[in-house]
Amino acid sequence: MLGRLFNKKPKPFIDELSKWLEEKYGVKAKKIKHKRSFKRWMMNKAARIEFMHFSLEDGRSGRAFYSPFIQAFLDVDAKGVKDDDLLMAYGGWLFLSSGLKDNFIIKDFKSKKQRREYLELKKLMGLEQIKIVEQYKIGHSEIFVIEGLLEGYTTRCAGNAQVDICFDEMTDYFHIPTVYFLLGEQLFRTDKI
């Protein structure tokens, strides 16, 4: 009743997030606060993405997105990541997980040319002790997730010879899969709605 008096609409996604957090982390949510709604173009469709902060009964906290697919990022891993950048990571996670599920992204393939070109480019840029962590094929594009040393710092990169993103261990971005940021930038390529 008070919600109606003050024109507040119920937010059913908060209840869904609460259940999801308990399933994922094994403890109840202590507090969930809706921070804002992002409006973006995703896959040529308008989308509304709810953004929330949460704290759990065991003291952990983080940020979560709902669109209606839920993903959370704990502060221990993402404290210094800006909200808009975390939205990119969410978009990349959403694109990758749905693509793998629907088989329009594959992991098991042999790269003829793109892998070699990307590794050569990264070596020229000074990355050493390179190892391939994952690989994805989306249509004709191949994306490689690699890790190596750059000026003594462990660095993770995702991309190919045309598009690339890297984070070193000194940033909070390092603790979130780099491919999420890369794919999120591709997914949200257009401006806000």
Protein backbone atom coordinates (compact mmCIF):
# COMPACT_ATOMS: atom_id res chain seq x y z
CA MET A 1 0.00 0.00 0.00
CA LEU A 2 2.75 2.49 0.88
CA GLY A 3 4.47 1.64 -2.40
CA ARG A 4 1.39 2.75 -4.28
CA LEU A 5 1.19 5.96 -2.27
CA PHE A 6 4.72 6.90 -3.24
CA ASN A 7 4.42 5.58 -6.80
CA LYS A 8 6.93 2.76 -6.22
CA LYS A 9 6.47 -0.31 -8.33
CA PRO A 10 7.34 -3.72 -6.92
CA LYS A 11 10.57 -5.13 -8.32
CA PRO A 12 10.06 -8.88 -8.78
CA PHE A 13 13.60 -9.27 -10.13
CA ILE A 14 14.95 -8.55 -6.64
CA ASP A 15 13.18 -11.68 -5.34
CA GLU A 16 14.57 -13.68 -8.27
CA LEU A 17 18.07 -12.39 -7.58
CA SER A 18 17.73 -13.27 -3.89
CA LYS A 19 16.86 -16.88 -4.76
CA TRP A 20 19.63 -17.06 -7.36
CA LEU A 21 22.26 -15.73 -4.93
CA GLU A 22 21.28 -18.29 -2.30
CA GLU A 23 21.53 -21.11 -4.86
CA LYS A 24 24.87 -19.90 -6.22
CA TYR A 25 26.65 -18.96 -2.99
CA GLY A 26 24.83 -21.14 -0.43
CA VAL A 27 23.91 -18.21 1.85
CA LYS A 28 21.00 -15.82 1.95
CA ALA A 29 21.17 -12.27 0.72
CA LYS A 30 21.26 -9.76 3.56
CA LYS A 31 20.50 -6.74 1.39
CA ILE A 32 19.76 -6.12 -2.28
CA LYS A 33 19.51 -2.58 -3.60
CA HIS A 34 18.37 -1.71 -7.11
CA LYS A 35 20.80 0.94 -8.39
CA ARG A 36 19.57 1.65 -11.91
CA SER A 37 18.28 0.32 -15.19
CA PHE A 38 20.51 0.25 -18.25
CA LYS A 39 18.83 0.49 -21.65
CA ARG A 40 20.92 -0.86 -24.51
CA TRP A 41 20.65 -2.41 -27.93
CA MET A 42 21.46 -6.12 -27.73
CA MET A 43 21.46 -8.26 -30.85
CA ASN A 44 19.48 -5.52 -32.66
CA LYS A 45 16.78 -5.46 -29.97
CA ALA A 46 16.10 -2.96 -27.23
CA ALA A 47 16.91 -4.41 -23.81
CA ARG A 48 16.46 -3.25 -20.26
CA ILE A 49 19.08 -4.54 -17.83
CA GLU A 50 18.56 -4.12 -14.10
CA PHE A 51 21.65 -3.36 -12.02
CA MET A 52 21.82 -4.13 -8.30
CA HIS A 53 24.24 -4.12 -5.38
CA PHE A 54 23.96 -6.95 -2.88
CA SER A 55 25.45 -8.17 0.35
CA LEU A 56 25.29 -11.72 1.66
CA GLU A 57 24.90 -12.90 5.24
CA ASP A 58 28.50 -14.19 5.24
CA GLY A 59 29.86 -10.67 4.57
CA ARG A 60 30.55 -10.98 0.84
CA SER A 61 29.14 -8.30 -1.43
CA GLY A 62 28.96 -7.54 -5.10
CA ARG A 63 26.98 -6.33 -8.07
CA ALA A 64 24.48 -8.21 -10.20
CA PHE A 65 22.64 -7.81 -13.47
CA TYR A 66 19.23 -9.11 -14.51
CA SER A 67 17.72 -9.08 -18.00
CA PRO A 68 16.07 -11.75 -17.13
CA PHE A 69 19.31 -13.76 -17.09
CA ILE A 70 21.21 -13.20 -13.87
CA GLN A 71 24.95 -12.89 -13.36
CA ALA A 72 26.78 -11.57 -10.32
CA PHE A 73 30.30 -10.30 -9.76
CA LEU A 74 31.71 -10.37 -6.23
CA ASP A 75 33.52 -7.27 -4.98
CA VAL A 76 36.55 -9.38 -4.07
CA ASP A 77 37.09 -9.82 -7.83
CA ALA A 78 35.59 -6.67 -9.30
CA LYS A 79 35.71 -3.87 -6.70
CA GLY A 80 37.67 -1.47 -8.93
CA VAL A 81 35.74 -2.22 -12.13
CA LYS A 82 33.46 0.64 -13.18
CA ASP A 83 29.74 -0.13 -13.37
CA ASP A 84 29.58 0.56 -17.13
CA ASP A 85 32.56 -1.74 -17.72
CA LEU A 86 30.96 -4.43 -15.59
CA LEU A 87 27.87 -4.08 -17.79
CA MET A 88 30.15 -4.89 -20.75
CA ALA A 89 31.38 -8.00 -18.93
CA TYR A 90 27.79 -9.02 -18.23
CA GLY A 91 26.91 -8.60 -21.91
CA GLY A 92 29.91 -10.69 -22.92
CA TRP A 93 29.00 -13.41 -20.42
CA LEU A 94 25.42 -13.42 -21.70
CA PHE A 95 26.51 -13.61 -25.34
CA LEU A 96 29.11 -16.32 -24.70
CA SER A 97 26.96 -18.52 -22.48
CA SER A 98 23.94 -18.37 -24.79
CA GLY A 99 26.16 -18.87 -27.86
CA LEU A 100 27.76 -21.99 -26.40
CA LYS A 101 24.38 -23.33 -25.32
CA ASP A 102 22.80 -22.69 -28.74
CA ASN A 103 25.91 -23.90 -30.62
CA PHE A 104 26.54 -20.73 -32.63
CA ILE A 105 29.82 -20.43 -30.71
CA ILE A 106 32.10 -23.47 -30.76
CA LYS A 107 35.23 -24.24 -28.75
CA ASP A 108 36.48 -27.36 -30.51
CA PHE A 109 38.10 -26.38 -33.82
CA LYS A 110 41.50 -26.19 -35.48
CA SER A 111 42.65 -22.73 -36.42
CA LYS A 112 44.47 -22.54 -39.72
CA LYS A 113 45.61 -18.94 -39.79
CA GLN A 114 44.01 -16.63 -37.21
CA ARG A 115 45.65 -18.26 -34.17
CA ARG A 116 49.14 -17.96 -35.64
CA GLU A 117 48.55 -14.32 -36.65
CA TYR A 118 47.30 -13.38 -33.20
CA LEU A 119 50.16 -15.06 -31.34
CA GLU A 120 52.73 -13.47 -33.65
CA LEU A 121 51.17 -10.04 -33.06
CA LYS A 122 51.21 -10.50 -29.27
CA LYS A 123 54.87 -11.63 -29.37
CA LEU A 124 55.76 -8.50 -31.36
CA MET A 125 54.07 -6.44 -28.67
CA GLY A 126 56.30 -8.02 -26.02
CA LEU A 127 54.09 -10.73 -24.52
CA GLU A 128 56.21 -13.71 -23.44
CA GLN A 129 55.52 -17.25 -22.21
CA ILE A 130 52.18 -17.22 -24.01
CA LYS A 131 49.73 -20.01 -23.42
CA ILE A 132 46.29 -20.37 -24.97
CA VAL A 133 43.64 -20.74 -22.28
CA GLU A 134 40.51 -20.98 -24.46
CA GLN A 135 39.39 -20.49 -28.02
CA TYR A 136 36.01 -19.70 -29.59
CA LYS A 137 34.74 -19.64 -33.14
CA ILE A 138 31.84 -17.33 -33.94
CA GLY A 139 30.94 -17.63 -37.61
CA HIS A 140 34.23 -17.05 -39.43
CA SER A 141 35.84 -15.16 -36.54
CA GLU A 142 38.12 -16.88 -34.11
CA ILE A 143 38.70 -15.49 -30.61
CA PHE A 144 41.62 -16.65 -28.48
CA VAL A 145 42.01 -16.20 -24.73
CA ILE A 146 45.68 -16.15 -23.84
CA GLU A 147 47.86 -15.54 -20.82
CA GLY A 148 51.50 -14.51 -20.70
CA LEU A 149 54.01 -12.11 -19.20
CA LEU A 150 54.31 -8.50 -20.26
CA GLU A 151 57.04 -6.46 -18.58
CA GLY A 152 57.03 -8.98 -15.71
CA TYR A 153 53.27 -8.87 -15.07
CA THR A 154 50.91 -11.74 -15.79
CA THR A 155 48.60 -10.49 -18.51
CA ARG A 156 45.39 -11.95 -19.93
CA CYS A 157 44.20 -11.09 -23.41
CA ALA A 158 41.24 -12.01 -25.56
CA GLY A 159 40.92 -11.38 -29.25
CA ASN A 160 42.48 -11.95 -32.62
CA ALA A 161 44.64 -9.90 -34.99
CA GLN A 162 41.76 -7.45 -35.66
CA VAL A 163 40.36 -6.85 -32.17
CA ASP A 164 42.05 -7.33 -28.82
CA ILE A 165 41.72 -6.47 -25.14
CA CYS A 166 44.25 -7.16 -22.36
CA PHE A 167 44.44 -6.68 -18.59
CA ASP A 168 47.40 -7.25 -16.30
CA GLU A 169 47.34 -8.67 -12.79
CA MET A 170 47.58 -5.21 -11.23
CA THR A 171 44.00 -4.31 -12.24
CA ASP A 172 40.71 -5.60 -10.86
CA TYR A 173 39.66 -6.27 -14.45
CA PHE A 174 42.15 -9.15 -14.49
CA HIS A 175 39.90 -11.25 -12.22
CA ILE A 176 36.98 -11.31 -14.67
CA PRO A 177 37.31 -13.37 -17.85
CA THR A 178 38.78 -11.01 -20.44
CA VAL A 179 36.65 -12.51 -23.19
CA TYR A 180 33.56 -11.14 -21.42
CA PHE A 181 34.77 -7.55 -21.94
CA LEU A 182 35.71 -8.23 -25.57
CA LEU A 183 32.37 -9.82 -26.47
CA GLY A 184 30.43 -7.28 -24.42
CA GLU A 185 31.94 -4.46 -26.46
CA GLN A 186 30.85 -6.25 -29.62
CA LEU A 187 27.37 -6.92 -28.25
CA PHE A 188 26.78 -3.35 -27.06
CA ARG A 189 28.53 -1.78 -30.06
CA THR A 190 25.74 0.75 -30.58
CA ASP A 191 24.99 3.65 -28.27
CA LYS A 192 22.48 3.68 -25.48
CA ILE A 193 18.79 3.67 -26.36
